[in-house]
Protein backbone atom coordinates (compact mmCIF):
# COMPACT_ATOMS: atom_id res chain seq x y z
CA UNK A 1 3.97 -20.08 47.26
CA UNK A 2 3.00 -23.68 46.60
CA UNK A 3 2.40 -24.81 43.08
CA UNK A 4 -0.85 -26.41 41.95
CA UNK A 5 0.92 -29.76 41.74
CA UNK A 6 2.21 -29.61 45.34
CA UNK A 7 -1.11 -28.48 46.83
CA UNK A 8 -3.15 -31.27 45.25
CA UNK A 9 -0.64 -34.12 45.54
CA UNK A 10 -1.69 -34.95 49.14
CA UNK A 11 -5.37 -34.88 48.23
CA UNK A 12 -4.86 -37.20 45.24
CA UNK A 13 -2.78 -39.60 47.36
CA UNK A 14 -5.53 -39.74 50.03
CA UNK A 15 -8.19 -40.34 47.36
CA UNK A 16 -6.17 -43.13 45.77
CA UNK A 17 -5.53 -44.78 49.19
CA UNK A 18 -9.23 -44.56 50.02
CA UNK A 19 -10.20 -46.16 46.71
CA UNK A 20 -7.75 -49.03 47.24
CA UNK A 21 -9.13 -49.66 50.72
CA UNK A 22 -12.73 -49.62 49.48
CA UNK A 23 -11.93 -52.05 46.65
CA UNK A 24 -10.19 -54.33 49.13
CA UNK A 25 -13.20 -54.35 51.43
CA UNK A 26 -15.68 -54.92 48.61
CA UNK A 27 -13.72 -57.79 47.09
CA UNK A 28 -13.35 -59.78 50.29
CA UNK A 29 -15.83 -62.49 51.10
CA UNK A 30 -14.67 -63.24 54.61
CA UNK A 31 -17.73 -65.22 55.62
CA UNK A 32 -15.75 -68.19 57.01
CA UNK A 33 -18.38 -70.79 56.13
CA UNK A 34 -18.29 -73.62 58.64
CA UNK A 35 -19.37 -76.23 56.08
CA UNK A 36 -17.33 -78.72 54.09
CA UNK A 37 -19.06 -80.67 51.32
CA UNK A 38 -19.04 -84.47 51.74
CA UNK A 39 -16.59 -86.43 49.54
CA UNK A 40 -17.61 -86.44 45.88
CA UNK A 41 -20.22 -83.68 46.38
CA UNK A 42 -20.51 -79.91 46.39
CA UNK A 43 -22.73 -77.59 48.36
CA UNK A 44 -24.99 -74.64 47.79
CA UNK A 45 -24.92 -72.04 50.56
CA UNK A 46 -28.00 -69.80 50.70
CA UNK A 47 -26.88 -66.67 52.56
CA UNK A 48 -30.03 -64.77 53.40
CA UNK A 49 -29.15 -61.10 53.97
CA UNK A 50 -32.78 -59.95 54.06
CA UNK A 51 -35.24 -59.17 56.83
CA UNK A 52 -37.56 -62.08 55.96
CA UNK A 53 -37.25 -65.83 55.64
CA UNK A 54 -36.50 -67.39 52.25
CA UNK A 55 -38.05 -70.69 51.13
CA UNK A 56 -35.54 -72.74 49.15
CA UNK A 57 -36.57 -75.13 46.34
CA UNK A 58 -33.93 -77.34 44.70
CA UNK A 59 -34.72 -79.19 41.47
CA UNK A 60 -38.44 -78.73 41.97
CA UNK A 61 -38.62 -79.80 45.64
CA UNK A 62 -39.03 -77.69 48.76
CA UNK A 63 -36.01 -78.19 51.00
CA UNK A 64 -36.00 -75.70 53.83
CA UNK A 65 -36.54 -72.12 54.98
CA UNK A 66 -33.54 -69.92 55.62
CA UNK A 67 -34.25 -67.42 58.42
CA UNK A 68 -33.46 -63.73 58.07
CA UNK A 69 -29.74 -62.91 58.34
CA UNK A 70 -28.86 -66.61 58.47
CA UNK A 71 -27.50 -69.22 56.04
CA UNK A 72 -28.07 -72.88 55.24
CA UNK A 73 -25.95 -75.41 53.35
CA UNK A 74 -27.39 -77.92 50.89
CA UNK A 75 -25.19 -80.84 49.80
CA UNK A 76 -25.70 -81.93 46.18
CA UNK A 77 -24.06 -84.01 43.49
CA UNK A 78 -21.90 -81.98 41.12
CA UNK A 79 -23.77 -80.59 38.12
CA UNK A 80 -26.37 -77.95 37.25
CA UNK A 81 -29.27 -77.56 39.67
CA UNK A 82 -32.43 -75.44 39.43
CA UNK A 83 -32.79 -73.16 42.48
CA UNK A 84 -35.93 -71.19 43.33
CA UNK A 85 -35.95 -68.70 46.23
CA UNK A 86 -39.34 -67.49 47.48
CA UNK A 87 -39.94 -64.87 50.18
CA UNK A 88 -41.81 -66.38 53.15
CA UNK A 89 -44.06 -63.39 53.85
CA UNK A 90 -44.01 -61.47 50.60
CA UNK A 91 -43.80 -61.62 46.85
CA UNK A 92 -40.04 -61.47 46.17
CA UNK A 93 -38.49 -64.40 44.34
CA UNK A 94 -35.53 -65.51 42.27
CA UNK A 95 -34.77 -68.57 40.16
CA UNK A 96 -31.81 -69.79 38.23
CA UNK A 97 -29.68 -72.72 37.16
CA UNK A 98 -26.66 -72.94 39.42
CA UNK A 99 -23.44 -74.92 38.99
CA UNK A 100 -22.35 -77.14 41.84
CA UNK A 101 -18.66 -78.08 41.73
CA UNK A 102 -17.16 -81.07 43.50
CA UNK A 103 -15.55 -80.05 46.79
CA UNK A 104 -16.63 -76.39 46.43
CA UNK A 105 -19.26 -74.15 47.95
CA UNK A 106 -21.57 -72.32 45.53
CA UNK A 107 -22.73 -69.29 47.52
CA UNK A 108 -26.01 -67.52 46.78
CA UNK A 109 -25.90 -64.18 48.57
CA UNK A 110 -29.51 -63.02 48.75
CA UNK A 111 -30.22 -59.28 49.06
CA UNK A 112 -33.15 -56.99 48.40
CA UNK A 113 -32.89 -53.79 46.50
CA UNK A 114 -34.59 -50.70 47.90
CA UNK A 115 -37.19 -50.51 45.12
CA UNK A 116 -36.83 -54.11 43.85
CA UNK A 117 -39.71 -56.50 43.83
CA UNK A 118 -37.28 -59.41 43.20
CA UNK A 119 -34.24 -60.65 45.05
CA UNK A 120 -30.82 -59.49 44.04
CA UNK A 121 -28.72 -62.68 44.16
CA UNK A 122 -24.97 -62.70 43.80
CA UNK A 123 -23.53 -66.16 42.96
CA UNK A 124 -19.89 -67.00 43.64
CA UNK A 125 -17.68 -69.96 44.52
CA UNK A 126 -15.82 -70.33 47.78
């Protein structure tokens, strides 16, 4: 007869392996951005992962519309910049002050929550 410890050891190992794999998948940002900031500048990448276009305003000025499931790069001087994202055909929005670092990409990953009336924006550096 197998002991409790022997019976559940395989199940625990499978669970632990599954959790490690999930953490690895969640932590990877393998977007392979095909943009390099110009010398002395940084860039903001607006990665629109929604089903609608997103209007992008930088420092109070309209810049461009990012189509659904697409991204755009905006080259800026290093420093803090005000970013406003506005849904093209709806009422979702987001705004925030974003750091731009020289030679780096500041990625704004734009998502919508199921019940959210605002954008869920994840900011990270690449």
